[in-house]
PDB file of N, CA and C in Angstrom:
ATOM      1  N   MET A   1      87.389  64.164  73.185  1.00  0.00           N
ATOM      2  CA  MET A   1      88.544  64.345  72.366  1.00  0.00           C
ATOM      3  C   MET A   1      88.424  65.618  71.553  1.00  0.00           C
ATOM      4  N   THR A   2      87.258  65.966  71.158  1.00  0.00           N
ATOM      5  CA  THR A   2      87.035  67.183  70.406  1.00  0.00           C
ATOM      6  C   THR A   2      87.400  68.387  71.240  1.00  0.00           C
ATOM      7  N   THR A   3      87.036  68.354  72.528  1.00  0.00           N
ATOM      8  CA  THR A   3      87.361  69.463  73.413  1.00  0.00           C
ATOM      9  C   THR A   3      88.860  69.612  73.551  1.00  0.00           C
ATOM     10  N   ARG A   4      89.523  68.439  73.704  1.00  0.00           N
ATOM     11  CA  ARG A   4      90.976  68.488  73.857  1.00  0.00           C
ATOM     12  C   ARG A   4      91.644  69.002  72.584  1.00  0.00           C
ATOM     13  N   LEU A   5      91.225  68.627  71.408  1.00  0.00           N
ATOM     14  CA  LEU A   5      91.790  69.112  70.157  1.00  0.00           C
ATOM     15  C   LEU A   5      91.533  70.589  69.989  1.00  0.00           C
ATOM     16  N   THR A   6      90.358  71.036  70.362  1.00  0.00           N
ATOM     17  CA  THR A   6      90.028  72.438  70.243  1.00  0.00           C
ATOM     18  C   THR A   6      90.902  73.259  71.167  1.00  0.00           C
ATOM     19  N   ALA A   7      91.132  72.777  72.408  1.00  0.00           N
ATOM     20  CA  ALA A   7      91.961  73.488  73.363  1.00  0.00           C
ATOM     21  C   ALA A   7      93.396  73.544  72.874  1.00  0.00           C
ATOM     22  N   VAL A   8      93.899  72.423  72.339  1.00  0.00           N
ATOM     23  CA  VAL A   8      95.270  72.385  71.814  1.00  0.00           C
ATOM     24  C   VAL A   8      95.375  73.296  70.605  1.00  0.00           C
ATOM     25  N   SER A   9      94.384  73.236  69.712  1.00  0.00           N
ATOM     26  CA  SER A   9      94.406  74.084  68.531  1.00  0.00           C
ATOM     27  C   SER A   9      94.340  75.552  68.913  1.00  0.00           C
ATOM     28  N   LEU A  10      93.490  75.857  69.905  1.00  0.00           N
ATOM     29  CA  LEU A  10      93.361  77.232  70.367  1.00  0.00           C
ATOM     30  C   LEU A  10      94.656  77.687  71.031  1.00  0.00           C
ATOM     31  N   GLY A  11      95.262  76.817  71.824  1.00  0.00           N
ATOM     32  CA  GLY A  11      96.535  77.137  72.482  1.00  0.00           C
ATOM     33  C   GLY A  11      97.637  77.369  71.463  1.00  0.00           C
ATOM     34  N   ALA A  12      97.679  76.549  70.430  1.00  0.00           N
ATOM     35  CA  ALA A  12      98.688  76.706  69.386  1.00  0.00           C
ATOM     36  C   ALA A  12      98.483  78.013  68.639  1.00  0.00           C
ATOM     37  N   ALA A  13      97.233  78.356  68.416  1.00  0.00           N
ATOM     38  CA  ALA A  13      96.925  79.605  67.732  1.00  0.00           C
ATOM     39  C   ALA A  13      97.362  80.797  68.560  1.00  0.00           C
ATOM     40  N   VAL A  14      97.154  80.738  69.886  1.00  0.00           N
ATOM     41  CA  VAL A  14      97.554  81.834  70.780  1.00  0.00           C
ATOM     42  C   VAL A  14      99.067  81.959  70.793  1.00  0.00           C
ATOM     43  N   ILE A  15      99.752  80.822  70.913  1.00  0.00           N
ATOM     44  CA  ILE A  15     101.222  80.846  70.914  1.00  0.00           C
ATOM     45  C   ILE A  15     101.738  81.393  69.599  1.00  0.00           C
ATOM     46  N   ALA A  16     101.168  80.978  68.495  1.00  0.00           N
ATOM     47  CA  ALA A  16     101.596  81.463  67.189  1.00  0.00           C
ATOM     48  C   ALA A  16     101.358  82.957  67.076  1.00  0.00           C
ATOM     49  N   ALA A  17     100.215  83.428  67.564  1.00  0.00           N
ATOM     50  CA  ALA A  17      99.892  84.852  67.490  1.00  0.00           C
ATOM     51  C   ALA A  17     100.843  85.658  68.360  1.00  0.00           C
ATOM     52  N   VAL A  18     101.130  85.186  69.564  1.00  0.00           N
ATOM     53  CA  VAL A  18     102.042  85.893  70.464  1.00  0.00           C
ATOM     54  C   VAL A  18     103.447  85.894  69.871  1.00  0.00           C
ATOM     55  N   GLY A  19     103.858  84.763  69.352  1.00  0.00           N
ATOM     56  CA  GLY A  19     105.180  84.687  68.712  1.00  0.00           C
ATOM     57  C   GLY A  19     105.292  85.633  67.541  1.00  0.00           C
ATOM     58  N   PHE A  20     104.249  85.712  66.726  1.00  0.00           N
ATOM     59  CA  PHE A  20     104.237  86.621  65.588  1.00  0.00           C
ATOM     60  C   PHE A  20     104.303  88.059  66.057  1.00  0.00           C
ATOM     61  N   ALA A  21     103.542  88.397  67.086  1.00  0.00           N
ATOM     62  CA  ALA A  21     103.534  89.766  67.618  1.00  0.00           C
ATOM     63  C   ALA A  21     104.905  90.114  68.186  1.00  0.00           C
ATOM     64  N   THR A  22     105.563  89.169  68.847  1.00  0.00           N
ATOM     65  CA  THR A  22     106.887  89.419  69.404  1.00  0.00           C
ATOM     66  C   THR A  22     107.897  89.652  68.295  1.00  0.00           C
ATOM     67  N   VAL A  23     107.866  88.846  67.256  1.00  0.00           N
ATOM     68  CA  VAL A  23     108.772  89.012  66.126  1.00  0.00           C
ATOM     69  C   VAL A  23     108.499  90.341  65.440  1.00  0.00           C
ATOM     70  N   ALA A  24     107.239  90.684  65.257  1.00  0.00           N
ATOM     71  CA  ALA A  24     106.896  91.935  64.597  1.00  0.00           C
ATOM     72  C   ALA A  24     107.368  93.121  65.417  1.00  0.00           C
ATOM     73  N   SER A  25     107.271  93.059  66.741  1.00  0.00           N
ATOM     74  CA  SER A  25     107.689  94.200  67.549  1.00  0.00           C
ATOM     75  C   SER A  25     109.207  94.305  67.618  1.00  0.00           C
ATOM     76  N   ALA A  26     109.931  93.213  67.369  1.00  0.00           N
ATOM     77  CA  ALA A  26     111.383  93.244  67.418  1.00  0.00           C
ATOM     78  C   ALA A  26     112.002  93.610  66.080  1.00  0.00           C
ATOM     79  N   SER A  27     111.226  93.664  65.010  1.00  0.00           N
ATOM     80  CA  SER A  27     111.798  93.966  63.702  1.00  0.00           C
ATOM     81  C   SER A  27     112.078  95.458  63.588  1.00  0.00           C
ATOM     82  N   PRO A  28     113.110  95.824  62.814  1.00  0.00           N
ATOM     83  CA  PRO A  28     113.455  97.228  62.680  1.00  0.00           C
ATOM     84  C   PRO A  28     112.296  98.027  62.116  1.00  0.00           C
ATOM     85  N   GLY A  29     112.131  99.192  62.670  1.00  0.00           N
ATOM     86  CA  GLY A  29     111.105 100.085  62.173  1.00  0.00           C
ATOM     87  C   GLY A  29     109.810 100.036  62.919  1.00  0.00           C
ATOM     88  N   SER A  30     109.566  99.023  63.714  1.00  0.00           N
ATOM     89  CA  SER A  30     108.279  98.936  64.375  1.00  0.00           C
ATOM     90  C   SER A  30     108.164  99.934  65.519  1.00  0.00           C
ATOM     91  N   ASP A  31     109.285 100.227  66.202  1.00  0.00           N
ATOM     92  CA  ASP A  31     109.200 101.191  67.299  1.00  0.00           C
ATOM     93  C   ASP A  31     109.794 102.531  66.906  1.00  0.00           C
ATOM     94  N   GLY A  32     110.321 102.669  65.695  1.00  0.00           N
ATOM     95  CA  GLY A  32     110.832 103.940  65.216  1.00  0.00           C
ATOM     96  C   GLY A  32     112.303 104.163  65.509  1.00  0.00           C
ATOM     97  N   SER A  33     112.905 103.428  66.439  1.00  0.00           N
ATOM     98  CA  SER A  33     114.295 103.694  66.778  1.00  0.00           C
ATOM     99  C   SER A  33     115.267 103.109  65.765  1.00  0.00           C
ATOM    100  N   ASP A  34     114.944 101.961  65.234  1.00  0.00           N
ATOM    101  CA  ASP A  34     115.834 101.322  64.272  1.00  0.00           C
ATOM    102  C   ASP A  34     115.304 101.447  62.849  1.00  0.00           C
ATOM    103  N   ALA A  35     114.333 102.295  62.675  1.00  0.00           N
ATOM    104  CA  ALA A  35     113.699 102.385  61.361  1.00  0.00           C
ATOM    105  C   ALA A  35     114.677 102.931  60.341  1.00  0.00           C
ATOM    106  N   PRO A  36     114.806 102.270  59.211  1.00  0.00           N
ATOM    107  CA  PRO A  36     115.661 102.834  58.164  1.00  0.00           C
ATOM    108  C   PRO A  36     115.015 104.115  57.656  1.00  0.00           C
ATOM    109  N   LYS A  37     115.830 105.116  57.512  1.00  0.00           N
ATOM    110  CA  LYS A  37     115.315 106.415  57.069  1.00  0.00           C
ATOM    111  C   LYS A  37     115.165 106.389  55.555  1.00  0.00           C
ATOM    112  N   PRO A  38     114.083 106.947  55.066  1.00  0.00           N
ATOM    113  CA  PRO A  38     113.914 106.975  53.610  1.00  0.00           C
ATOM    114  C   PRO A  38     114.987 107.871  52.989  1.00  0.00           C
ATOM    115  N   LYS A  39     115.489 107.465  51.841  1.00  0.00           N
ATOM    116  CA  LYS A  39     116.509 108.250  51.159  1.00  0.00           C
ATOM    117  C   LYS A  39     115.863 109.501  50.580  1.00  0.00           C
ATOM    118  N   PRO A  40     116.489 110.657  50.802  1.00  0.00           N
ATOM    119  CA  PRO A  40     115.916 111.872  50.226  1.00  0.00           C
ATOM    120  C   PRO A  40     116.099 111.872  48.710  1.00  0.00           C
ATOM    121  N   LYS A  41     115.190 112.512  48.046  1.00  0.00           N
ATOM    122  CA  LYS A  41     115.285 112.614  46.595  1.00  0.00           C
ATOM    123  C   LYS A  41     116.445 113.552  46.257  1.00  0.00           C
ATOM    124  N   PRO A  42     117.208 113.227  45.230  1.00  0.00           N
ATOM    125  CA  PRO A  42     118.316 114.110  44.865  1.00  0.00           C
ATOM    126  C   PRO A  42     117.788 115.468  44.436  1.00  0.00           C
ATOM    127  N   ARG A  43     118.487 116.498  44.860  1.00  0.00           N
ATOM    128  CA  ARG A  43     118.113 117.857  44.519  1.00  0.00           C
ATOM    129  C   ARG A  43     118.937 118.310  43.328  1.00  0.00           C
ATOM    130  N   ILE A  44     118.302 118.811  42.327  1.00  0.00           N
ATOM    131  CA  ILE A  44     119.001 119.268  41.134  1.00  0.00           C
ATOM    132  C   ILE A  44     119.358 120.732  41.322  1.00  0.00           C
ATOM    133  N   VAL A  45     120.651 121.015  41.217  1.00  0.00           N
ATOM    134  CA  VAL A  45     121.133 122.379  41.356  1.00  0.00           C
ATOM    135  C   VAL A  45     121.871 122.733  40.077  1.00  0.00           C
ATOM    136  N   LYS A  46     121.490 123.830  39.484  1.00  0.00           N
ATOM    137  CA  LYS A  46     122.163 124.270  38.269  1.00  0.00           C
ATOM    138  C   LYS A  46     123.233 125.284  38.658  1.00  0.00           C
ATOM    139  N   ALA A  47     124.476 124.942  38.353  1.00  0.00           N
ATOM    140  CA  ALA A  47     125.593 125.836  38.648  1.00  0.00           C
ATOM    141  C   ALA A  47     125.794 126.795  37.486  1.00  0.00           C
ATOM    142  N   GLN A  48     126.236 127.985  37.827  1.00  0.00           N
ATOM    143  CA  GLN A  48     126.544 128.950  36.781  1.00  0.00           C
ATOM    144  C   GLN A  48     127.852 128.556  36.114  1.00  0.00           C
ATOM    145  N   ALA A  49     127.938 128.802  34.843  1.00  0.00           N
ATOM    146  CA  ALA A  49     129.158 128.482  34.111  1.00  0.00           C
ATOM    147  C   ALA A  49     130.276 129.406  34.564  1.00  0.00           C
ATOM    148  N   ALA A  50     131.454 128.842  34.725  1.00  0.00           N
ATOM    149  CA  ALA A  50     132.603 129.634  35.114  1.00  0.00           C
ATOM    150  C   ALA A  50     133.023 130.523  33.956  1.00  0.00           C
ATOM    151  N   GLN A  51     133.393 131.727  34.287  1.00  0.00           N
ATOM    152  CA  GLN A  51     133.854 132.652  33.271  1.00  0.00           C
ATOM    153  C   GLN A  51     135.368 132.708  33.311  1.00  0.00           C
ATOM    154  N   ALA A  52     135.970 132.641  32.172  1.00  0.00           N
ATOM    155  CA  ALA A  52     137.424 132.595  32.102  1.00  0.00           C
ATOM    156  C   ALA A  52     138.058 133.945  32.411  1.00  0.00           C
ATOM    157  N   GLY A  53     137.385 135.022  32.134  1.00  0.00           N
ATOM    158  CA  GLY A  53     137.953 136.342  32.355  1.00  0.00           C
ATOM    159  C   GLY A  53     138.447 136.958  31.061  1.00  0.00           C
ATOM    160  N   SER A  54     138.877 138.195  31.172  1.00  0.00           N
ATOM    161  CA  SER A  54     139.369 138.929  30.016  1.00  0.00           C
ATOM    162  C   SER A  54     140.873 138.713  29.872  1.00  0.00           C
ATOM    163  N   PRO A  55     141.345 138.391  28.681  1.00  0.00           N
ATOM    164  CA  PRO A  55     142.783 138.166  28.508  1.00  0.00           C
ATOM    165  C   PRO A  55     143.553 139.488  28.472  1.00  0.00           C
ATOM    166  N   VAL A  56     144.702 139.488  29.117  1.00  0.00           N
ATOM    167  CA  VAL A  56     145.604 140.637  29.118  1.00  0.00           C
ATOM    168  C   VAL A  56     146.977 140.128  28.720  1.00  0.00           C
ATOM    169  N   THR A  57     147.600 140.797  27.766  1.00  0.00           N
ATOM    170  CA  THR A  57     148.939 140.422  27.328  1.00  0.00           C
ATOM    171  C   THR A  57     149.963 141.285  28.048  1.00  0.00           C
ATOM    172  N   GLY A  58     151.002 140.653  28.529  1.00  0.00           N
ATOM    173  CA  GLY A  58     152.056 141.365  29.253  1.00  0.00           C
ATOM    174  C   GLY A  58     153.146 141.881  28.341  1.00  0.00           C
ATOM    175  N   ASN A  59     154.237 142.306  28.974  1.00  0.00           N
ATOM    176  CA  ASN A  59     155.370 142.834  28.221  1.00  0.00           C
ATOM    177  C   ASN A  59     156.177 141.703  27.595  1.00  0.00           C
ATOM    178  N   ARG A  60     156.728 141.990  26.420  1.00  0.00           N
ATOM    179  CA  ARG A  60     157.580 141.015  25.751  1.00  0.00           C
ATOM    180  C   ARG A  60     159.022 141.315  26.142  1.00  0.00           C
ATOM    181  N   VAL A  61     159.718 140.284  26.602  1.00  0.00           N
ATOM    182  CA  VAL A  61     161.128 140.440  26.956  1.00  0.00           C
ATOM    183  C   VAL A  61     161.960 139.540  26.050  1.00  0.00           C
ATOM    184  N   THR A  62     163.140 140.012  25.709  1.00  0.00           N
ATOM    185  CA  THR A  62     164.058 139.237  24.870  1.00  0.00           C
ATOM    186  C   THR A  62     165.163 138.683  25.753  1.00  0.00           C
ATOM    187  N   LEU A  63     165.325 137.379  25.680  1.00  0.00           N
ATOM    188  CA  LEU A  63     166.331 136.691  26.485  1.00  0.00           C
ATOM    189  C   LEU A  63     167.493 136.274  25.592  1.00  0.00           C
ATOM    190  N   ASN A  64     168.686 136.634  25.987  1.00  0.00           N
ATOM    191  CA  ASN A  64     169.882 136.159  25.301  1.00  0.00           C
ATOM    192  C   ASN A  64     170.131 134.717  25.729  1.00  0.00           C
ATOM    193  N   PRO A  65     170.926 133.967  24.997  1.00  0.00           N
ATOM    194  CA  PRO A  65     171.208 132.578  25.378  1.00  0.00           C
ATOM    195  C   PRO A  65     171.694 132.475  26.830  1.00  0.00           C
ATOM    196  N   GLY A  66     171.078 131.553  27.578  1.00  0.00           N
ATOM    197  CA  GLY A  66     171.432 131.328  28.978  1.00  0.00           C
ATOM    198  C   GLY A  66     170.788 132.300  29.949  1.00  0.00           C
ATOM    199  N   GLN A  67     170.114 133.314  29.464  1.00  0.00           N
ATOM    200  CA  GLN A  67     169.535 134.343  30.329  1.00  0.00           C
ATOM    201  C   GLN A  67     168.170 133.896  30.878  1.00  0.00           C
ATOM    202  N   ASN A  68     167.861 134.315  32.117  1.00  0.00           N
ATOM    203  CA  ASN A  68     166.572 134.037  32.773  1.00  0.00           C
ATOM    204  C   ASN A  68     165.928 135.380  33.088  1.00  0.00           C
ATOM    205  N   LEU A  69     164.767 135.657  32.487  1.00  0.00           N
ATOM    206  CA  LEU A  69     164.064 136.934  32.706  1.00  0.00           C
ATOM    207  C   LEU A  69     162.590 136.698  32.999  1.00  0.00           C
ATOM    208  N   THR A  70     161.914 137.781  33.397  1.00  0.00           N
ATOM    209  CA  THR A  70     160.513 137.716  33.794  1.00  0.00           C
ATOM    210  C   THR A  70     159.672 138.654  32.946  1.00  0.00           C
ATOM    211  N   SER A  71     158.477 138.173  32.576  1.00  0.00           N
ATOM    212  CA  SER A  71     157.464 138.987  31.914  1.00  0.00           C
ATOM    213  C   SER A  71     156.257 139.066  32.843  1.00  0.00           C
ATOM    214  N   TYR A  72     155.612 140.255  32.889  1.00  0.00           N
ATOM    215  CA  TYR A  72     154.460 140.476  33.769  1.00  0.00           C
ATOM    216  C   TYR A  72     153.251 140.861  32.934  1.00  0.00           C
ATOM    217  N   ALA A  73     152.101 140.251  33.244  1.00  0.00           N
ATOM    218  CA  ALA A  73     150.825 140.664  32.647  1.00  0.00           C
ATOM    219  C   ALA A  73     149.973 141.194  33.793  1.00  0.00           C
ATOM    220  N   THR A  74     149.736 142.515  33.789  1.00  0.00           N
ATOM    221  CA  THR A  74     149.035 143.162  34.900  1.00  0.00           C
ATOM    222  C   THR A  74     147.570 143.365  34.545  1.00  0.00           C
ATOM    223  N   CYS A  75     146.692 142.929  35.441  1.00  0.00           N
ATOM    224  CA  CYS A  75     145.248 143.058  35.238  1.00  0.00           C
ATOM    225  C   CYS A  75     144.805 144.494  35.491  1.00  0.00           C
ATOM    226  N   PRO A  76     143.692 144.905  34.860  1.00  0.00           N
ATOM    227  CA  PRO A  76     143.163 146.246  35.102  1.00  0.00           C
ATOM    228  C   PRO A  76     142.776 146.422  36.580  1.00  0.00           C
ATOM    229  N   GLN A  77     142.759 147.662  37.017  1.00  0.00           N
ATOM    230  CA  GLN A  77     142.420 147.962  38.407  1.00  0.00           C
ATOM    231  C   GLN A  77     141.052 147.388  38.763  1.00  0.00           C
ATOM    232  N   GLY A  78     140.966 146.748  39.940  1.00  0.00           N
ATOM    233  CA  GLY A  78     139.723 146.156  40.413  1.00  0.00           C
ATOM    234  C   GLY A  78     139.526 144.710  39.983  1.00  0.00           C
ATOM    235  N   THR A  79     140.482 144.177  39.207  1.00  0.00           N
ATOM    236  CA  THR A  79     140.399 142.783  38.804  1.00  0.00           C
ATOM    237  C   THR A  79     141.656 142.052  39.263  1.00  0.00           C
ATOM    238  N   ALA A  80     141.603 140.744  39.218  1.00  0.00           N
ATOM    239  CA  ALA A  80     142.734 139.912  39.614  1.00  0.00           C
ATOM    240  C   ALA A  80     142.858 138.754  38.639  1.00  0.00           C
ATOM    241  N   PRO A  81     144.066 138.211  38.496  1.00  0.00           N
ATOM    242  CA  PRO A  81     144.222 137.086  37.576  1.00  0.00           C
ATOM    243  C   PRO A  81     143.579 135.809  38.112  1.00  0.00           C
ATOM    244  N   THR A  82     142.810 135.154  37.257  1.00  0.00           N
ATOM    245  CA  THR A  82     142.213 133.856  37.603  1.00  0.00           C
ATOM    246  C   THR A  82     142.964 132.728  36.912  1.00  0.00           C
ATOM    247  N   GLY A  83     143.916 133.090  36.090  1.00  0.00           N
ATOM    248  CA  GLY A  83     144.735 132.122  35.374  1.00  0.00           C
ATOM    249  C   GLY A  83     145.703 132.872  34.492  1.00  0.00           C
ATOM    250  N   GLY A  84     146.594 132.147  33.884  1.00  0.00           N
ATOM    251  CA  GLY A  84     147.552 132.802  33.013  1.00  0.00           C
ATOM    252  C   GLY A  84     148.551 131.822  32.455  1.00  0.00           C
ATOM    253  N   GLY A  85     149.536 132.357  31.782  1.00  0.00           N
ATOM    254  CA  GLY A  85     150.564 131.549  31.159  1.00  0.00           C
ATOM    255  C   GLY A  85     151.451 132.440  30.334  1.00  0.00           C
ATOM    256  N   GLY A  86     151.912 131.909  29.221  1.00  0.00           N
ATOM    257  CA  GLY A  86     152.775 132.713  28.385  1.00  0.00           C
ATOM    258  C   GLY A  86     153.059 132.070  27.054  1.00  0.00           C
ATOM    259  N   THR A  87     153.735 132.837  26.212  1.00  0.00           N
ATOM    260  CA  THR A  87     154.137 132.355  24.904  1.00  0.00           C
ATOM    261  C   THR A  87     155.619 132.660  24.712  1.00  0.00           C
ATOM    262  N   THR A  88     156.213 131.937  23.786  1.00  0.00           N
ATOM    263  CA  THR A  88     157.617 132.148  23.453  1.00  0.00           C
ATOM    264  C   THR A  88     157.757 132.251  21.945  1.00  0.00           C
ATOM    265  N   SER A  89     158.901 132.745  21.526  1.00  0.00           N
ATOM    266  CA  SER A  89     159.158 132.826  20.084  1.00  0.00           C
ATOM    267  C   SER A  89     159.849 131.578  19.570  1.00  0.00           C
ATOM    268  N   SER A  90     160.185 130.658  20.488  1.00  0.00           N
ATOM    269  CA  SER A  90     160.889 129.446  20.087  1.00  0.00           C
ATOM    270  C   SER A  90     160.694 128.364  21.136  1.00  0.00           C
ATOM    271  N   TYR A  91     161.066 127.157  20.760  1.00  0.00           N
ATOM    272  CA  TYR A  91     160.994 126.044  21.712  1.00  0.00           C
ATOM    273  C   TYR A  91     162.194 126.029  22.653  1.00  0.00           C
ATOM    274  N   ASP A  92     163.091 126.965  22.492  1.00  0.00           N
ATOM    275  CA  ASP A  92     164.305 127.002  23.316  1.00  0.00           C
ATOM    276  C   ASP A  92     164.081 127.648  24.678  1.00  0.00           C
ATOM    277  N   ILE A  93     162.919 128.231  24.914  1.00  0.00           N
ATOM    278  CA  ILE A  93     162.632 128.869  26.206  1.00  0.00           C
ATOM    279  C   ILE A  93     162.063 127.825  27.152  1.00  0.00           C
ATOM    280  N   PHE A  94     162.647 127.739  28.336  1.00  0.00           N
ATOM    281  CA  PHE A  94     162.187 126.824  29.383  1.00  0.00           C
ATOM    282  C   PHE A  94     161.507 127.654  30.465  1.00  0.00           C
ATOM    283  N   PHE A  95     160.191 127.439  30.690  1.00  0.00           N
ATOM    284  CA  PHE A  95     159.476 128.172  31.745  1.00  0.00           C
ATOM    285  C   PHE A  95     159.961 127.682  33.104  1.00  0.00           C
ATOM    286  N   THR A  96     160.394 128.601  33.934  1.00  0.00           N
ATOM    287  CA  THR A  96     160.832 128.223  35.279  1.00  0.00           C
ATOM    288  C   THR A  96     159.800 128.591  36.334  1.00  0.00           C
ATOM    289  N   ASP A  97     158.964 129.598  36.058  1.00  0.00           N
ATOM    290  CA  ASP A  97     157.902 130.018  36.988  1.00  0.00           C
ATOM    291  C   ASP A  97     156.716 130.539  36.196  1.00  0.00           C
ATOM    292  N   SER A  98     155.511 130.278  36.723  1.00  0.00           N
ATOM    293  CA  SER A  98     154.283 130.799  36.139  1.00  0.00           C
ATOM    294  C   SER A  98     153.247 130.821  37.253  1.00  0.00           C
ATOM    295  N   TYR A  99     152.912 132.047  37.739  1.00  0.00           N
ATOM    296  CA  TYR A  99     152.020 132.132  38.902  1.00  0.00           C
ATOM    297  C   TYR A  99     151.392 133.521  39.009  1.00  0.00           C
ATOM    298  N   ALA A 100     150.314 133.607  39.790  1.00  0.00           N
ATOM    299  CA  ALA A 100     149.651 134.879  40.070  1.00  0.00           C
ATOM    300  C   ALA A 100     150.282 135.504  41.301  1.00  0.00           C
ATOM    301  N   SER A 101     150.406 136.822  41.261  1.00  0.00           N
ATOM    302  CA  SER A 101     150.904 137.575  42.409  1.00  0.00           C
ATOM    303  C   SER A 101     150.224 138.933  42.404  1.00  0.00           C
ATOM    304  N   GLY A 102     149.349 139.155  43.399  1.00  0.00           N
ATOM    305  CA  GLY A 102     148.598 140.411  43.436  1.00  0.00           C
ATOM    306  C   GLY A 102     147.694 140.535  42.232  1.00  0.00           C
ATOM    307  N   SER A 103     147.893 141.616  41.462  1.00  0.00           N
ATOM    308  CA  SER A 103     147.046 141.832  40.282  1.00  0.00           C
ATOM    309  C   SER A 103     147.764 141.447  38.988  1.00  0.00           C
ATOM    310  N   ALA A 104     148.844 140.676  39.085  1.00  0.00           N
ATOM    311  CA  ALA A 104     149.610 140.315  37.886  1.00  0.00           C
ATOM    312  C   ALA A 104     149.834 138.817  37.800  1.00  0.00           C
ATOM    313  N   TRP A 105     150.077 138.383  36.556  1.00  0.00           N
ATOM    314  CA  TRP A 105     150.550 137.021  36.313  1.00  0.00           C
ATOM    315  C   TRP A 105     152.023 137.132  35.959  1.00  0.00           C
ATOM    316  N   ILE A 106     152.838 136.336  36.614  1.00  0.00           N
ATOM    317  CA  ILE A 106     154.278 136.402  36.441  1.00  0.00           C
ATOM    318  C   ILE A 106     154.742 135.151  35.697  1.00  0.00           C
ATOM    319  N   LEU A 107     155.549 135.364  34.670  1.00  0.00           N
ATOM    320  CA  LEU A 107     156.102 134.269  33.883  1.00  0.00           C
ATOM    321  C   LEU A 107     157.607 134.481  33.781  1.00  0.00           C
ATOM    322  N   ARG A 108     158.352 133.482  34.186  1.00  0.00           N
ATOM    323  CA  ARG A 108     159.814 133.551  34.118  1.00  0.00           C
ATOM    324  C   ARG A 108     160.298 132.397  33.258  1.00  0.00           C
ATOM    325  N   GLY A 109     161.306 132.696  32.438  1.00  0.00           N
ATOM    326  CA  GLY A 109     161.837 131.656  31.569  1.00  0.00           C
ATOM    327  C   GLY A 109     163.326 131.805  31.354  1.00  0.00           C
ATOM    328  N   THR A 110     163.933 130.704  30.929  1.00  0.00           N
ATOM    329  CA  THR A 110     165.358 130.662  30.635  1.00  0.00           C
ATOM    330  C   THR A 110     165.547 130.273  29.176  1.00  0.00           C
ATOM    331  N   ASN A 111     166.406 131.006  28.494  1.00  0.00           N
ATOM    332  CA  ASN A 111     166.710 130.704  27.101  1.00  0.00           C
ATOM    333  C   ASN A 111     167.784 129.623  27.070  1.00  0.00           C
ATOM    334  N   LYS A 112     167.428 128.430  26.612  1.00  0.00           N
ATOM    335  CA  LYS A 112     168.361 127.303  26.517  1.00  0.00           C
ATOM    336  C   LYS A 112     168.961 127.185  25.116  1.00  0.00           C
ATOM    337  N   GLY A 113     168.582 128.095  24.242  1.00  0.00           N
ATOM    338  CA  GLY A 113     169.061 128.024  22.864  1.00  0.00           C
ATOM    339  C   GLY A 113     170.356 128.796  22.654  1.00  0.00           C
ATOM    340  N   SER A 114     170.697 128.975  21.377  1.00  0.00           N
ATOM    341  CA  SER A 114     171.938 129.660  21.014  1.00  0.00           C
ATOM    342  C   SER A 114     171.694 131.032  20.396  1.00  0.00           C
ATOM    343  N   ALA A 115     170.425 131.460  20.328  1.00  0.00           N
ATOM    344  CA  ALA A 115     170.082 132.769  19.767  1.00  0.00           C
ATOM    345  C   ALA A 115     169.083 133.458  20.695  1.00  0.00           C
ATOM    346  N   PRO A 116     168.981 134.787  20.628  1.00  0.00           N
ATOM    347  CA  PRO A 116     167.999 135.500  21.460  1.00  0.00           C
ATOM    348  C   PRO A 116     166.571 135.028  21.150  1.00  0.00           C
ATOM    349  N   GLN A 117     165.748 134.939  22.198  1.00  0.00           N
ATOM    350  CA  GLN A 117     164.344 134.498  22.069  1.00  0.00           C
ATOM    351  C   GLN A 117     163.456 135.414  22.892  1.00  0.00           C
ATOM    352  N   ASP A 118     162.158 135.452  22.536  1.00  0.00           N
ATOM    353  CA  ASP A 118     161.199 136.313  23.236  1.00  0.00           C
ATOM    354  C   ASP A 118     160.299 135.502  24.164  1.00  0.00           C
ATOM    355  N   LEU A 119     159.872 136.164  25.242  1.00  0.00           N
ATOM    356  CA  LEU A 119     158.971 135.577  26.244  1.00  0.00           C
ATOM    357  C   LEU A 119     157.895 136.612  26.545  1.00  0.00           C
ATOM    358  N   THR A 120     156.605 136.210  26.513  1.00  0.00           N
ATOM    359  CA  THR A 120     155.498 137.119  26.795  1.00  0.00           C
ATOM    360  C   THR A 120     154.487 136.446  27.722  1.00  0.00           C
ATOM    361  N   ALA A 121     154.159 137.103  28.816  1.00  0.00           N
ATOM    362  CA  ALA A 121     153.158 136.584  29.766  1.00  0.00           C
ATOM    363  C   ALA A 121     151.764 137.016  29.329  1.00  0.00           C
ATOM    364  N   PHE A 122     150.751 136.228  29.748  1.00  0.00           N
ATOM    365  CA  PHE A 122     149.374 136.660  29.602  1.00  0.00           C
ATOM    366  C   PHE A 122     148.602 136.256  30.859  1.00  0.00           C
ATOM    367  N   ALA A 123     147.537 136.976  31.128  1.00  0.00           N
ATOM    368  CA  ALA A 123     146.700 136.700  32.299  1.00  0.00           C
ATOM    369  C   ALA A 123     145.242 136.723  31.892  1.00  0.00           C
ATOM    370  N   LEU A 124     144.431 135.959  32.601  1.00  0.00           N
ATOM    371  CA  LEU A 124     142.975 136.021  32.459  1.00  0.00           C
ATOM    372  C   LEU A 124     142.488 136.748  33.694  1.00  0.00           C
ATOM    373  N   CYS A 125     141.918 137.922  33.507  1.00  0.00           N
ATOM    374  CA  CYS A 125     141.554 138.795  34.628  1.00  0.00           C
ATOM    375  C   CYS A 125     140.049 138.845  34.821  1.00  0.00           C
ATOM    376  N   GLN A 126     139.668 138.854  36.089  1.00  0.00           N
ATOM    377  CA  GLN A 126     138.237 138.904  36.396  1.00  0.00           C
ATOM    378  C   GLN A 126     138.039 139.706  37.655  1.00  0.00           C
TER     379      GLN A 126
END
C-alpha cells in the first residue's frame, strides 16, 4: 500500500507540476508576445514663454453717426501682427471686423450713436 500511495502521490505531483508549467507558459508575458509593455517615464519639457510682441498704435479715424470706417495698425518692416484689437472713444462704436492682413491689423467699426466717435486699431508685432 505504501508503494501505491507513493506512486499516486508522485503521479499527482507530476500532474500538478505539468499543469502549473502549462498555466505559466500560457500567461501573458512569458513568451514576450503578449507581455504588457512598461509605461515610459514622463519626460519633462520646459517650453519657452510666449512673447506678446511690441504694441503698435494705428491711425485714429472719426466716424460720423451711422458711418463704417477702418483703422490700420501697420507693423514695422520684418515683423507681422501676432494679435491686435482696437479702442474707441465711446460705447457707441460697434466693431464689425478685427483681423490680421499681411503686416497690418485691421479694425473696422460702425458708429451706432448720435455724435461723431473715434476708432483706433492696435497690433502686437513680432
